[in-house]
Amino acid sequence: MLMETNMNSSVKVAKDVKIQPDRFDGTNYTRWMDKMIFLLTSLKICYILDPNLSALPELQEDESATIKTARVKREEDEVLCRGHILNTLTS
């Protein structure tokens, strides 16, 4: 349920902001990358692309609610980020 809310809000933000990255066809990488970073930043999920982002610790039974919430948000943001990037690639 939470993932649907995030996906719906990301689509709503993308429509409201009118950001539509160009399709990446191999010749427009710099422009595509800049627009993609702008889109992901406006959706507040660009942090997923940070190479210094620490890995999620192993799942433990005695995790606090805060850690569980952070884990779920991170996993959902990874899916959204991957989806937005794959959506702009040409086939």
C-alpha atoms as a PDB file:
ATOM      1  CA  MET A   1       0.000   0.000   0.000  1.00  0.00           C
ATOM      2  CA  LEU A   2       2.819   2.380   0.889  1.00  0.00           C
ATOM      3  CA  MET A   3       4.546   1.696  -2.422  1.00  0.00           C
ATOM      4  CA  GLU A   4       1.387   2.581  -4.353  1.00  0.00           C
ATOM      5  CA  THR A   5       1.226   5.906  -2.515  1.00  0.00           C
ATOM      6  CA  ASN A   6       4.846   6.691  -3.361  1.00  0.00           C
ATOM      7  CA  MET A   7       4.411   5.683  -6.981  1.00  0.00           C
ATOM      8  CA  ASN A   8       1.249   7.724  -7.325  1.00  0.00           C
ATOM      9  CA  SER A   9       2.890  10.735  -5.728  1.00  0.00           C
ATOM     10  CA  SER A  10       5.970  10.410  -7.941  1.00  0.00           C
ATOM     11  CA  VAL A  11       3.802  10.279 -11.050  1.00  0.00           C
ATOM     12  CA  LYS A  12       1.796  13.261  -9.801  1.00  0.00           C
ATOM     13  CA  VAL A  13       4.987  15.237  -9.143  1.00  0.00           C
ATOM     14  CA  ALA A  14       6.385  14.285 -12.550  1.00  0.00           C
ATOM     15  CA  LYS A  15       3.183  15.482 -14.238  1.00  0.00           C
ATOM     16  CA  ASP A  16       3.016  18.667 -12.167  1.00  0.00           C
ATOM     17  CA  VAL A  17       6.638  19.596 -12.802  1.00  0.00           C
ATOM     18  CA  LYS A  18       6.395  18.704 -16.513  1.00  0.00           C
ATOM     19  CA  ILE A  19       9.799  17.044 -16.527  1.00  0.00           C
ATOM     20  CA  GLN A  20      10.099  14.564 -19.326  1.00  0.00           C
ATOM     21  CA  PRO A  21      13.647  13.385 -19.932  1.00  0.00           C
ATOM     22  CA  ASP A  22      14.533  12.760 -23.551  1.00  0.00           C
ATOM     23  CA  ARG A  23      14.731   9.151 -24.629  1.00  0.00           C
ATOM     24  CA  PHE A  24      18.314   7.961 -24.369  1.00  0.00           C
ATOM     25  CA  ASP A  25      19.328   6.642 -27.753  1.00  0.00           C
ATOM     26  CA  GLY A  26      23.111   6.604 -27.270  1.00  0.00           C
ATOM     27  CA  THR A  27      23.805  10.048 -28.748  1.00  0.00           C
ATOM     28  CA  ASN A  28      22.349  12.402 -26.153  1.00  0.00           C
ATOM     29  CA  TYR A  29      23.850  11.056 -22.916  1.00  0.00           C
ATOM     30  CA  THR A  30      24.840  14.367 -21.286  1.00  0.00           C
ATOM     31  CA  ARG A  31      21.468  16.006 -21.864  1.00  0.00           C
ATOM     32  CA  TRP A  32      19.600  12.844 -20.836  1.00  0.00           C
ATOM     33  CA  MET A  33      21.692  12.483 -17.676  1.00  0.00           C
ATOM     34  CA  ASP A  34      21.119  16.105 -16.626  1.00  0.00           C
ATOM     35  CA  LYS A  35      17.365  15.832 -17.133  1.00  0.00           C
ATOM     36  CA  MET A  36      17.238  12.464 -15.364  1.00  0.00           C
ATOM     37  CA  ILE A  37      19.122  13.833 -12.351  1.00  0.00           C
ATOM     38  CA  PHE A  38      16.759  16.805 -12.268  1.00  0.00           C
ATOM     39  CA  LEU A  39      13.713  14.523 -12.386  1.00  0.00           C
ATOM     40  CA  LEU A  40      15.042  12.200  -9.668  1.00  0.00           C
ATOM     41  CA  THR A  41      16.010  15.171  -7.500  1.00  0.00           C
ATOM     42  CA  SER A  42      12.541  16.676  -7.806  1.00  0.00           C
ATOM     43  CA  LEU A  43      11.112  13.298  -6.764  1.00  0.00           C
ATOM     44  CA  LYS A  44      13.559  13.197  -3.828  1.00  0.00           C
ATOM     45  CA  ILE A  45      15.016   9.844  -4.859  1.00  0.00           C
ATOM     46  CA  CYS A  46      18.299  10.938  -6.436  1.00  0.00           C
ATOM     47  CA  TYR A  47      20.190   9.905  -3.285  1.00  0.00           C
ATOM     48  CA  ILE A  48      19.865   6.307  -4.504  1.00  0.00           C
ATOM     49  CA  LEU A  49      22.455   7.034  -7.227  1.00  0.00           C
ATOM     50  CA  ASP A  50      25.087   8.218  -4.703  1.00  0.00           C
ATOM     51  CA  PRO A  51      28.101   5.886  -4.982  1.00  0.00           C
ATOM     52  CA  ASN A  52      28.888   6.497  -1.291  1.00  0.00           C
ATOM     53  CA  LEU A  53      25.440   5.352  -0.145  1.00  0.00           C
ATOM     54  CA  SER A  54      25.904   2.710   2.523  1.00  0.00           C
ATOM     55  CA  ALA A  55      24.397  -0.693   1.991  1.00  0.00           C
ATOM     56  CA  LEU A  56      21.382  -1.690   4.016  1.00  0.00           C
ATOM     57  CA  PRO A  57      22.320  -3.862   7.008  1.00  0.00           C
ATOM     58  CA  GLU A  58      21.041  -7.412   7.113  1.00  0.00           C
ATOM     59  CA  LEU A  59      17.426  -7.800   8.183  1.00  0.00           C
ATOM     60  CA  GLN A  60      17.108  -8.626  11.876  1.00  0.00           C
ATOM     61  CA  GLU A  61      14.060  -9.610  13.898  1.00  0.00           C
ATOM     62  CA  ASP A  62      14.664  -7.066  16.668  1.00  0.00           C
ATOM     63  CA  GLU A  63      14.870  -3.985  14.423  1.00  0.00           C
ATOM     64  CA  SER A  64      13.207  -0.840  15.661  1.00  0.00           C
ATOM     65  CA  ALA A  65      10.226   0.628  13.819  1.00  0.00           C
ATOM     66  CA  THR A  66      12.409   3.503  12.598  1.00  0.00           C
ATOM     67  CA  ILE A  67      14.910   1.146  10.971  1.00  0.00           C
ATOM     68  CA  LYS A  68      12.114  -0.910   9.398  1.00  0.00           C
ATOM     69  CA  THR A  69      10.505   2.245   7.986  1.00  0.00           C
ATOM     70  CA  ALA A  70      13.846   3.435   6.598  1.00  0.00           C
ATOM     71  CA  ARG A  71      14.461   0.027   5.021  1.00  0.00           C
ATOM     72  CA  VAL A  72      11.035  -0.001   3.318  1.00  0.00           C
ATOM     73  CA  LYS A  73      11.454   3.587   2.046  1.00  0.00           C
ATOM     74  CA  ARG A  74      14.912   2.830   0.658  1.00  0.00           C
ATOM     75  CA  GLU A  75      13.696  -0.302  -1.135  1.00  0.00           C
ATOM     76  CA  GLU A  76      10.735   1.561  -2.640  1.00  0.00           C
ATOM     77  CA  ASP A  77      12.943   4.472  -3.716  1.00  0.00           C
ATOM     78  CA  GLU A  78      15.325   2.041  -5.418  1.00  0.00           C
ATOM     79  CA  VAL A  79      12.445   0.538  -7.400  1.00  0.00           C
ATOM     80  CA  LEU A  80      11.136   3.991  -8.375  1.00  0.00           C
ATOM     81  CA  CYS A  81      14.582   5.217  -9.396  1.00  0.00           C
ATOM     82  CA  ARG A  82      15.257   2.118 -11.497  1.00  0.00           C
ATOM     83  CA  GLY A  83      11.820   2.384 -13.080  1.00  0.00           C
ATOM     84  CA  HIS A  84      12.207   6.037 -14.056  1.00  0.00           C
ATOM     85  CA  ILE A  85      15.614   5.361 -15.586  1.00  0.00           C
ATOM     86  CA  LEU A  86      14.470   2.275 -17.512  1.00  0.00           C
ATOM     87  CA  ASN A  87      11.386   4.110 -18.723  1.00  0.00           C
ATOM     88  CA  THR A  88      13.510   6.595 -20.674  1.00  0.00           C
ATOM     89  CA  LEU A  89      15.729   4.060 -22.426  1.00  0.00           C
ATOM     90  CA  THR A  90      14.989   3.230 -26.033  1.00  0.00           C
ATOM     91  CA  SER A  91      14.516  -0.394 -26.921  1.00  0.00           C
END
